Amino acid sequence: MTERREPSLVVLALVLVLGLVAPLLDSTIVNVAIPTLRHDLGASVATIQWVSTGYLLALALAIPVTGWASQRYGARRVWLIALAVFLAGSVLSGLAWNIESLIGFRVLQGVGAGLLIPIMQTLLFGAASGRPSGNTMALVSLPALLGPVLGPVIGGLIVNHLDWRWIFYVNPPICALAIVLALRYLPRDGGRPGARLDLTGLLLLSPGLAALIYGLSELGDRGGFVHPTVLVPLIGGALLLVAFARHALRASEPLVDLRLFRVGSFSAVGSLMFLSGLASFGALLLLPLYYQQLRGESVLTAGLLMAPQGIGIGLSRLAGGLLDRWGIRTVVLLATLLLIAGTVPFAFAGPHTSPVLLAAALVVRGAGLGAILMAVLLGAYDGLPRELIPHASTATRILQQLGGSFGTALLAVALQRSLAGHPAAPATAFDHAFWWALALTLPALVATAFLPRRKPAAPTPEPALADATA
């Protein structure tokens, strides 16, 4: 019976993956086009950065509300609304007439994107009773990893050959198809009309998360933590998060239920979610800069040279079967070692290092990166009761977002200071920055010791989607 019904879960996963393609590609595509946008819209450097920063902050503000929204209105309905909001933001961004309107419409895009990833996890893990197979997890984790790899290539092609507005016009057809398929295949869930919004928690958590991410986004440009633009939002954000934690432990229906962390497996995997974001996604900042600044490649060529990492991420799908066979701890340990092995060559690289060697290293690095993400996502839901799944989706997304933001900010400062300390030897500066990236991996390696030894529970049979959508 399980084998007959598993394809329905794969169909659900494919529909959800399609809905994530545009938002996950969007941020990296737009980053490539920032110089073109600045020139065409006549914006200053300080102003044009808000095209990315506004999107990022809106995304951070939207994430905390997803758990309540999926409980109150049903995850399917919120998914469709989020896709429609992102579609509208994309169309309007393409029609923007000045920099102010573009920033405003990017904020609208960010709201839609912030809702989509946690809702995807809620829908998938809810349909599988919290226990999808490793192969299914391998499928749904691919877009989150391929976005940073494929985005620069697609963005470079658009900027080189088309008007900048097409960086936004590529999204509506994808979103429209995703909406049509979601209407047909996503299981209906009526929601719980009596679910109460924890307004106090929202007013503490959303601004706190946004303040932290804003402070971290400014860290690289300001060169350190002591600048007021960095220090004030970091302190303010941390205080708001502490206040939220105190409130959530006392509230009857908190925005994010911190009882999650009483489940040993979730606490271990949640910590690793943050640490893996710190170690993995921070280094994604250094790789394109290495190719562009040290080797003098164009944006498009740099994106193509990073494509082998996408091949490795695709190969990581093979680890899905290993998750079901070996368990989370073993797969994460091996994947972390692959991530380290794939990063080490860059810590010794110079402007003339063999591109074949670096391409092979990127394949290894991508395989480790992909396997880590799918394993920690699967482990986060292992043993959780169904009612905590929306809260787990919100919490894991917050931890991953914060980890990635911290890692990116720390490595940006490390690179900046290394370049300042070695102005005549930029290769040495990049080597030092990659050593910092390796150092950030060590806490994640240690954290694997606290992961559960046991294999994830076998996926629970679910009703066919045809029944669920009837």
Protein backbone atom coordinates (compact mmCIF):
# COMPACT_ATOMS: atom_id res chain seq x y z
CA MET A 1 0.00 0.00 0.00
CA THR A 2 2.83 2.41 0.83
CA GLU A 3 4.44 1.83 -2.56
CA ARG A 4 1.17 2.64 -4.37
CA ARG A 5 0.73 5.90 -2.49
CA GLU A 6 4.30 7.18 -2.43
CA PRO A 7 4.07 8.53 -6.04
CA SER A 8 1.31 10.87 -4.86
CA LEU A 9 3.75 12.35 -2.36
CA VAL A 10 6.30 12.78 -5.16
CA VAL A 11 3.70 14.63 -7.24
CA LEU A 12 3.02 16.91 -4.28
CA ALA A 13 6.77 17.51 -3.90
CA LEU A 14 7.13 18.38 -7.60
CA VAL A 15 4.28 20.88 -7.42
CA LEU A 16 5.83 22.52 -4.36
CA VAL A 17 9.30 22.59 -5.95
CA LEU A 18 7.90 24.44 -8.98
CA GLY A 19 6.40 27.06 -6.69
CA LEU A 20 9.79 27.66 -5.08
CA VAL A 21 11.82 27.97 -8.28
CA ALA A 22 11.13 31.65 -8.98
CA PRO A 23 11.59 33.00 -5.42
CA LEU A 24 14.80 31.04 -4.84
CA LEU A 25 16.35 32.18 -8.12
CA ASP A 26 15.08 35.73 -7.79
CA SER A 27 17.44 37.13 -5.17
CA THR A 28 20.63 36.02 -6.91
CA ILE A 29 19.35 37.06 -10.35
CA VAL A 30 18.56 40.55 -9.06
CA ASN A 31 21.94 40.88 -7.31
CA VAL A 32 23.69 40.35 -10.64
CA ALA A 33 21.64 43.17 -12.17
CA ILE A 34 22.27 45.75 -9.40
CA PRO A 35 24.89 47.75 -11.40
CA THR A 36 22.56 47.88 -14.42
CA LEU A 37 19.61 48.96 -12.26
CA ARG A 38 21.69 51.70 -10.68
CA HIS A 39 22.71 53.06 -14.09
CA ASP A 40 19.27 52.87 -15.74
CA LEU A 41 17.32 54.25 -12.77
CA GLY A 42 19.89 56.90 -11.81
CA ALA A 43 20.15 55.70 -8.20
CA SER A 44 22.97 56.19 -5.72
CA VAL A 45 24.92 53.23 -4.32
CA ALA A 46 23.23 53.66 -0.92
CA THR A 47 19.75 53.71 -2.48
CA ILE A 48 20.18 50.85 -4.95
CA GLN A 49 21.18 48.47 -2.15
CA TRP A 50 17.62 48.70 -0.85
CA VAL A 51 16.46 46.73 -3.89
CA SER A 52 18.07 43.73 -2.17
CA THR A 53 17.84 44.87 1.46
CA GLY A 54 14.12 45.71 1.25
CA TYR A 55 13.40 42.28 -0.20
CA LEU A 56 15.46 40.59 2.52
CA LEU A 57 13.80 42.49 5.37
CA ALA A 58 10.28 41.87 4.04
CA LEU A 59 11.12 38.18 3.79
CA ALA A 60 12.31 38.19 7.41
CA LEU A 61 9.16 39.99 8.60
CA ALA A 62 6.90 37.48 6.84
CA ILE A 63 8.51 34.24 8.06
CA PRO A 64 7.21 34.31 11.67
CA VAL A 65 3.56 34.61 10.66
CA THR A 66 3.53 31.45 8.53
CA GLY A 67 2.86 28.99 11.36
CA TRP A 68 -0.23 30.84 12.55
CA ALA A 69 -1.46 31.57 9.01
CA SER A 70 -1.27 27.92 7.95
CA GLN A 71 -3.17 26.86 11.08
CA ARG A 72 -5.79 29.60 10.76
CA TYR A 73 -6.47 29.52 7.01
CA GLY A 74 -4.95 26.22 5.89
CA ALA A 75 -1.50 25.75 4.38
CA ARG A 76 -2.90 25.27 0.86
CA ARG A 77 -4.71 28.61 0.87
CA VAL A 78 -1.68 30.47 2.26
CA TRP A 79 0.55 28.83 -0.36
CA LEU A 80 -1.73 30.06 -3.16
CA ILE A 81 -1.90 33.57 -1.67
CA ALA A 82 1.90 33.70 -1.28
CA LEU A 83 2.41 32.67 -4.91
CA ALA A 84 -0.10 35.31 -6.05
CA VAL A 85 1.64 38.00 -3.97
CA PHE A 86 5.03 37.05 -5.39
CA LEU A 87 3.63 37.01 -8.92
CA ALA A 88 2.09 40.47 -8.45
CA GLY A 89 5.33 41.81 -6.98
CA SER A 90 7.27 40.44 -9.97
CA VAL A 91 4.98 42.01 -12.56
CA LEU A 92 4.98 45.36 -10.76
CA SER A 93 8.78 45.27 -10.32
CA GLY A 94 9.13 44.80 -14.07
CA LEU A 95 6.84 47.81 -14.61
CA ALA A 96 8.64 50.02 -12.04
CA TRP A 97 9.12 53.61 -13.23
CA ASN A 98 11.74 54.75 -10.71
CA ILE A 99 13.94 53.39 -7.95
CA GLU A 100 11.39 54.12 -5.20
CA SER A 101 8.65 52.13 -6.92
CA LEU A 102 11.04 49.25 -7.59
CA ILE A 103 12.04 49.06 -3.92
CA GLY A 104 8.37 49.08 -2.88
CA PHE A 105 7.48 46.28 -5.28
CA ARG A 106 10.52 44.27 -4.20
CA VAL A 107 9.18 44.47 -0.64
CA LEU A 108 5.94 42.94 -1.93
CA GLN A 109 7.95 40.15 -3.55
CA GLY A 110 9.78 39.57 -0.28
CA VAL A 111 6.53 39.09 1.63
CA GLY A 112 5.44 36.36 -0.79
CA ALA A 113 8.85 34.67 -0.75
CA GLY A 114 9.02 34.73 3.05
CA LEU A 115 5.78 32.75 3.28
CA LEU A 116 6.59 30.13 0.66
CA ILE A 117 9.47 28.05 2.10
CA PRO A 118 7.94 27.42 5.55
CA ILE A 119 4.55 26.67 3.99
CA MET A 120 6.18 24.22 1.59
CA GLN A 121 7.68 22.35 4.55
CA THR A 122 4.33 22.37 6.38
CA LEU A 123 2.48 20.97 3.36
CA LEU A 124 5.05 18.28 2.60
CA PHE A 125 5.67 17.07 6.14
CA GLY A 126 1.98 17.29 6.97
CA ALA A 127 1.11 15.10 3.99
CA ALA A 128 3.75 12.58 5.04
CA SER A 129 2.85 12.78 8.76
CA GLY A 130 6.27 14.30 9.38
CA ARG A 131 8.14 11.39 7.80
CA PRO A 132 8.72 11.70 4.03
CA SER A 133 11.32 9.40 2.52
CA GLY A 134 14.90 10.49 2.03
CA ASN A 135 14.39 10.48 -1.75
CA THR A 136 11.47 12.89 -1.45
CA MET A 137 13.54 15.20 0.76
CA ALA A 138 16.33 15.09 -1.81
CA LEU A 139 13.87 16.36 -4.40
CA VAL A 140 12.44 19.27 -2.44
CA SER A 141 15.81 20.48 -1.11
CA LEU A 142 17.32 20.95 -4.57
CA PRO A 143 15.81 24.38 -5.42
CA ALA A 144 17.13 26.02 -2.23
CA LEU A 145 20.65 24.92 -3.12
CA LEU A 146 20.57 25.42 -6.87
CA GLY A 147 19.24 28.98 -6.61
CA PRO A 148 22.58 30.56 -5.60
CA VAL A 149 24.38 28.50 -8.26
CA LEU A 150 22.07 29.02 -11.26
CA GLY A 151 20.94 32.56 -10.39
CA PRO A 152 24.16 34.32 -11.48
CA VAL A 153 24.17 32.43 -14.79
CA ILE A 154 20.56 33.29 -15.61
CA GLY A 155 20.99 36.85 -14.34
CA GLY A 156 24.14 37.31 -16.41
CA LEU A 157 22.40 36.07 -19.56
CA ILE A 158 19.45 38.40 -19.05
CA VAL A 159 21.57 41.46 -18.25
CA ASN A 160 23.88 40.82 -21.23
CA HIS A 161 21.18 40.16 -23.81
CA LEU A 162 17.83 41.58 -22.60
CA ASP A 163 16.35 44.58 -20.84
CA TRP A 164 16.72 44.47 -17.03
CA ARG A 165 12.94 44.21 -16.65
CA TRP A 166 13.17 40.60 -17.82
CA ILE A 167 14.83 39.62 -14.54
CA PHE A 168 11.31 40.05 -13.11
CA TYR A 169 9.27 39.00 -16.15
CA VAL A 170 10.72 35.46 -16.04
CA ASN A 171 8.82 34.88 -12.79
CA PRO A 172 5.11 35.27 -13.73
CA PRO A 173 4.87 32.27 -16.11
CA ILE A 174 6.49 30.02 -13.50
CA CYS A 175 4.23 31.34 -10.73
CA ALA A 176 1.09 31.06 -12.88
CA LEU A 177 1.83 27.42 -13.72
CA ALA A 178 2.61 26.71 -10.06
CA ILE A 179 -0.76 28.19 -9.03
CA VAL A 180 -2.65 26.10 -11.60
CA LEU A 181 -0.95 22.88 -10.46
CA ALA A 182 -1.40 23.77 -6.79
CA LEU A 183 -5.15 24.23 -7.32
CA ARG A 184 -5.28 20.76 -8.84
CA TYR A 185 -2.94 18.74 -6.64
CA LEU A 186 -2.43 20.27 -3.21
CA PRO A 187 -4.52 18.56 -0.52
CA ARG A 188 -7.30 20.69 0.93
CA ASP A 189 -7.01 21.67 4.57
CA GLY A 190 -9.70 23.87 6.01
CA GLY A 191 -7.62 25.46 8.73
CA ARG A 192 -8.75 26.22 12.24
CA PRO A 193 -10.91 29.39 12.37
CA GLY A 194 -10.41 29.70 16.11
CA ALA A 195 -6.60 29.88 15.90
CA ARG A 196 -5.57 33.11 17.64
CA LEU A 197 -2.78 35.33 16.35
CA ASP A 198 -0.15 35.96 19.00
CA LEU A 199 0.10 39.68 18.27
CA THR A 200 2.56 40.36 21.08
CA GLY A 201 4.82 37.59 19.79
CA LEU A 202 4.56 38.93 16.24
CA LEU A 203 5.49 42.46 17.34
CA LEU A 204 8.55 41.03 19.11
CA LEU A 205 9.74 38.31 16.74
CA SER A 206 9.31 39.86 13.28
CA PRO A 207 11.04 43.19 14.04
CA GLY A 208 13.70 41.36 16.07
CA LEU A 209 14.50 39.03 13.20
CA ALA A 210 14.48 41.88 10.66
CA ALA A 211 16.77 44.02 12.86
CA LEU A 212 19.30 41.21 13.23
CA ILE A 213 19.36 40.51 9.49
CA TYR A 214 19.64 44.22 8.67
CA GLY A 215 22.57 44.64 11.06
CA LEU A 216 24.30 41.62 9.56
CA SER A 217 23.69 42.85 6.01
CA GLU A 218 25.46 46.11 6.92
CA LEU A 219 28.39 44.37 8.61
CA GLY A 220 30.44 43.86 5.46
CA ASP A 221 30.08 47.44 4.24
CA ARG A 222 30.81 48.95 7.67
CA GLY A 223 33.84 46.75 8.31
CA GLY A 224 33.02 45.60 11.83
CA PHE A 225 30.55 45.29 14.69
CA VAL A 226 31.33 48.64 16.35
CA HIS A 227 29.65 50.83 13.73
CA PRO A 228 26.27 52.13 15.01
CA THR A 229 24.50 50.98 11.83
CA VAL A 230 25.55 47.44 12.71
CA LEU A 231 25.66 47.46 16.50
CA VAL A 232 22.32 49.16 17.23
CA PRO A 233 20.13 46.82 15.15
CA LEU A 234 22.05 43.75 16.35
CA ILE A 235 21.58 44.66 20.02
CA GLY A 236 17.97 45.74 19.47
CA GLY A 237 17.18 42.58 17.51
CA ALA A 238 18.77 40.34 20.13
CA LEU A 239 16.80 42.02 22.94
CA LEU A 240 13.55 41.60 21.01
CA LEU A 241 14.26 37.90 20.43
CA VAL A 242 15.01 37.39 24.13
CA ALA A 243 11.75 39.15 24.99
CA PHE A 244 9.92 36.94 22.50
CA ALA A 245 11.40 33.77 24.03
CA ARG A 246 10.26 34.85 27.49
CA HIS A 247 6.78 35.67 26.17
CA ALA A 248 6.48 32.45 24.13
CA LEU A 249 7.27 30.27 27.14
CA ARG A 250 4.31 31.79 28.99
CA ALA A 251 1.76 32.20 26.16
CA SER A 252 -0.97 29.62 25.65
CA GLU A 253 -0.79 29.94 21.83
CA PRO A 254 2.62 31.43 20.98
CA LEU A 255 3.54 32.50 17.46
CA VAL A 256 6.32 29.88 17.48
CA ASP A 257 5.90 27.14 20.06
CA LEU A 258 9.23 26.80 21.89
CA ARG A 259 8.12 23.43 23.24
CA LEU A 260 9.76 22.19 20.05
CA PHE A 261 13.11 22.47 21.75
CA ARG A 262 12.04 20.00 24.42
CA VAL A 263 12.24 17.35 21.71
CA GLY A 264 15.88 16.29 21.81
CA SER A 265 16.15 15.52 18.11
CA PHE A 266 14.71 18.92 17.15
CA SER A 267 17.08 20.81 19.45
CA ALA A 268 20.10 19.03 17.96
CA VAL A 269 18.95 19.43 14.37
CA GLY A 270 17.85 23.04 14.97
CA SER A 271 21.33 23.91 16.22
CA LEU A 272 22.84 22.21 13.20
CA MET A 273 20.44 24.08 10.93
CA PHE A 274 21.91 27.36 12.17
CA LEU A 275 25.51 26.10 12.11
CA SER A 276 25.23 24.56 8.65
CA GLY A 277 23.81 27.85 7.34
CA LEU A 278 26.71 29.63 9.00
CA ALA A 279 29.27 27.30 7.42
CA SER A 280 27.69 26.55 4.05
CA PHE A 281 25.95 29.62 2.71
CA GLY A 282 28.55 32.10 3.91
CA ALA A 283 31.13 30.54 1.61
CA LEU A 284 28.78 31.06 -1.33
CA LEU A 285 29.68 34.75 -1.05
CA LEU A 286 33.40 34.05 -1.54
CA LEU A 287 33.20 31.77 -4.57
CA PRO A 288 31.88 34.24 -7.19
CA LEU A 289 34.14 36.98 -5.77
CA TYR A 290 37.16 34.69 -6.16
CA TYR A 291 36.41 34.16 -9.84
CA GLN A 292 35.52 37.79 -10.56
CA GLN A 293 38.05 39.73 -8.49
CA LEU A 294 41.04 37.39 -8.42
CA ARG A 295 40.75 35.71 -11.82
CA GLY A 296 39.14 38.67 -13.62
CA GLU A 297 36.15 36.75 -14.98
CA SER A 298 32.86 38.35 -15.99
CA VAL A 299 29.71 37.76 -13.96
CA LEU A 300 28.41 35.31 -16.56
CA THR A 301 31.69 33.39 -16.81
CA ALA A 302 31.99 33.25 -13.02
CA GLY A 303 28.49 31.80 -12.86
CA LEU A 304 29.38 29.16 -15.43
CA LEU A 305 32.57 28.26 -13.56
CA MET A 306 30.46 27.69 -10.44
CA ALA A 307 28.08 25.39 -12.32
CA PRO A 308 29.96 22.21 -11.18
CA GLN A 309 28.69 22.94 -7.68
CA GLY A 310 25.19 22.53 -9.11
CA ILE A 311 26.22 19.15 -10.50
CA GLY A 312 27.38 18.13 -7.04
CA ILE A 313 24.10 19.31 -5.54
CA GLY A 314 22.26 17.20 -8.10
CA LEU A 315 24.40 14.18 -7.19
CA SER A 316 23.55 14.72 -3.52
CA ARG A 317 20.11 13.41 -4.36
CA LEU A 318 21.69 9.96 -4.13
CA ALA A 319 22.04 10.56 -0.40
CA GLY A 320 18.25 10.40 -0.06
CA GLY A 321 18.36 6.60 -0.08
CA LEU A 322 21.28 6.61 2.35
CA LEU A 323 19.24 8.63 4.84
CA ASP A 324 16.67 5.85 5.04
CA ARG A 325 19.43 3.23 5.33
CA TRP A 326 22.12 4.83 7.53
CA GLY A 327 20.30 7.49 9.52
CA ILE A 328 20.74 11.23 9.89
CA ARG A 329 23.92 11.38 11.98
CA THR A 330 26.03 9.28 9.62
CA VAL A 331 24.87 11.12 6.50
CA VAL A 332 25.44 14.57 8.05
CA LEU A 333 28.92 13.59 9.27
CA LEU A 334 29.97 12.31 5.84
CA ALA A 335 28.37 15.29 4.09
CA THR A 336 30.17 17.77 6.35
CA LEU A 337 33.48 16.07 5.57
CA LEU A 338 32.67 16.38 1.85
CA LEU A 339 31.90 20.07 2.34
CA ILE A 340 35.28 20.56 4.03
CA ALA A 341 37.12 18.57 1.36
CA GLY A 342 35.49 20.63 -1.40
CA THR A 343 36.46 23.93 0.26
CA VAL A 344 40.11 23.14 1.12
CA PRO A 345 41.43 23.59 -2.47
CA PHE A 346 40.16 27.18 -2.48
CA ALA A 347 42.16 27.91 0.68
CA PHE A 348 45.31 27.21 -1.37
CA ALA A 349 44.11 28.62 -4.70
CA GLY A 350 45.62 31.50 -6.61
CA PRO A 351 44.80 33.35 -9.84
CA HIS A 352 46.25 30.52 -11.96
CA THR A 353 45.06 27.43 -10.09
CA SER A 354 43.80 24.72 -12.43
CA PRO A 355 40.11 25.34 -13.21
CA VAL A 356 39.67 21.57 -13.59
CA LEU A 357 40.85 21.02 -10.00
CA LEU A 358 38.52 23.76 -8.74
CA ALA A 359 35.61 22.37 -10.76
CA ALA A 360 36.15 18.95 -9.18
CA ALA A 361 36.29 20.58 -5.74
CA LEU A 362 32.99 22.34 -6.43
CA VAL A 363 31.33 19.04 -7.35
CA VAL A 364 32.47 17.56 -4.02
CA ARG A 365 31.42 20.71 -2.14
CA GLY A 366 27.98 20.74 -3.78
CA ALA A 367 27.40 17.09 -2.90
CA GLY A 368 28.17 17.78 0.75
CA LEU A 369 26.05 20.93 0.81
CA GLY A 370 23.02 19.19 -0.67
CA ALA A 371 23.25 16.16 1.60
CA ILE A 372 23.51 18.30 4.75
CA LEU A 373 20.40 20.32 3.94
CA MET A 374 18.18 17.37 3.13
CA ALA A 375 19.34 15.45 6.20
CA VAL A 376 18.80 18.24 8.72
CA LEU A 377 15.39 19.08 7.24
CA LEU A 378 14.28 15.47 7.56
CA GLY A 379 15.69 15.21 11.08
CA ALA A 380 13.95 18.38 12.26
CA TYR A 381 10.52 16.77 11.94
CA ASP A 382 11.42 13.32 13.22
CA GLY A 383 9.18 12.43 16.16
CA LEU A 384 7.18 15.68 16.17
CA PRO A 385 3.39 15.56 16.67
CA ARG A 386 1.41 16.81 13.69
CA GLU A 387 0.21 19.98 15.43
CA LEU A 388 3.80 21.19 15.88
CA ILE A 389 4.73 20.83 12.20
CA PRO A 390 3.78 24.45 11.25
CA HIS A 391 5.82 25.73 14.21
CA ALA A 392 8.77 23.56 13.17
CA SER A 393 8.57 24.93 9.62
CA THR A 394 8.77 28.50 10.91
CA ALA A 395 11.54 27.75 13.40
CA THR A 396 13.77 25.89 10.94
CA ARG A 397 13.44 28.66 8.36
CA ILE A 398 14.35 31.31 10.96
CA LEU A 399 17.40 29.33 12.11
CA GLN A 400 18.57 28.76 8.55
CA GLN A 401 18.05 32.42 7.59
CA LEU A 402 19.97 33.65 10.63
CA GLY A 403 22.78 31.14 10.12
CA GLY A 404 23.20 32.09 6.48
CA SER A 405 23.12 35.82 7.32
CA PHE A 406 25.71 35.44 10.09
CA GLY A 407 28.00 33.34 7.88
CA THR A 408 27.78 35.76 4.95
CA ALA A 409 28.43 38.78 7.18
CA LEU A 410 31.40 37.21 9.00
CA LEU A 411 33.10 36.09 5.79
CA ALA A 412 32.47 39.48 4.15
CA VAL A 413 34.34 41.14 7.02
CA ALA A 414 37.08 38.49 6.95
CA LEU A 415 37.63 39.04 3.22
CA GLN A 416 37.52 42.83 3.53
CA ARG A 417 40.11 42.87 6.32
CA SER A 418 42.31 40.34 4.55
CA LEU A 419 42.28 42.46 1.39
CA ALA A 420 43.14 45.54 3.45
CA GLY A 421 45.98 43.68 5.16
CA HIS A 422 47.38 42.26 1.91
CA PRO A 423 46.73 44.97 -0.73
CA ALA A 424 49.53 43.66 -2.95
CA ALA A 425 48.60 39.99 -2.52
CA PRO A 426 44.86 39.52 -3.07
CA ALA A 427 45.36 35.76 -3.54
CA THR A 428 46.63 35.53 0.05
CA ALA A 429 43.61 37.53 1.24
CA PHE A 430 41.20 35.11 -0.45
CA ASP A 431 43.10 32.12 0.96
CA HIS A 432 42.70 33.56 4.47
CA ALA A 433 38.97 34.13 3.88
CA PHE A 434 38.47 30.53 2.77
CA TRP A 435 40.33 29.33 5.87
CA TRP A 436 37.80 31.31 7.89
CA ALA A 437 35.05 29.51 5.96
CA LEU A 438 36.60 26.19 6.97
CA ALA A 439 36.84 27.33 10.60
CA LEU A 440 33.12 28.10 10.60
CA THR A 441 32.49 24.49 9.54
CA LEU A 442 34.07 23.02 12.67
CA PRO A 443 31.14 23.80 15.05
CA ALA A 444 28.80 22.06 12.61
CA LEU A 445 31.10 19.06 12.58
CA VAL A 446 31.04 18.93 16.39
CA ALA A 447 27.23 19.32 16.45
CA THR A 448 26.76 16.12 14.46
CA ALA A 449 27.73 14.17 17.58
CA PHE A 450 24.46 15.26 19.20
CA LEU A 451 22.23 14.13 16.34
CA PRO A 452 20.06 11.06 16.94
CA ARG A 453 21.71 7.76 16.00
CA ARG A 454 18.50 6.12 14.94
CA LYS A 455 17.24 6.07 11.40
CA PRO A 456 14.22 8.29 10.59
CA ALA A 457 10.92 6.54 11.09
CA ALA A 458 9.51 4.97 7.96
CA PRO A 459 7.16 7.25 6.01
CA THR A 460 3.54 6.84 7.00
CA PRO A 461 1.13 5.86 4.21
CA GLU A 462 -1.02 8.77 3.13
CA PRO A 463 -4.24 8.96 1.15
CA ALA A 464 -3.70 9.41 -2.58
CA LEU A 465 -3.76 13.01 -3.76
CA ALA A 466 -6.73 12.25 -5.92
CA ASP A 467 -8.69 11.54 -2.75
CA ALA A 468 -7.28 14.52 -0.90
CA THR A 469 -8.22 16.96 -3.63
CA ALA A 470 -11.59 15.51 -4.47
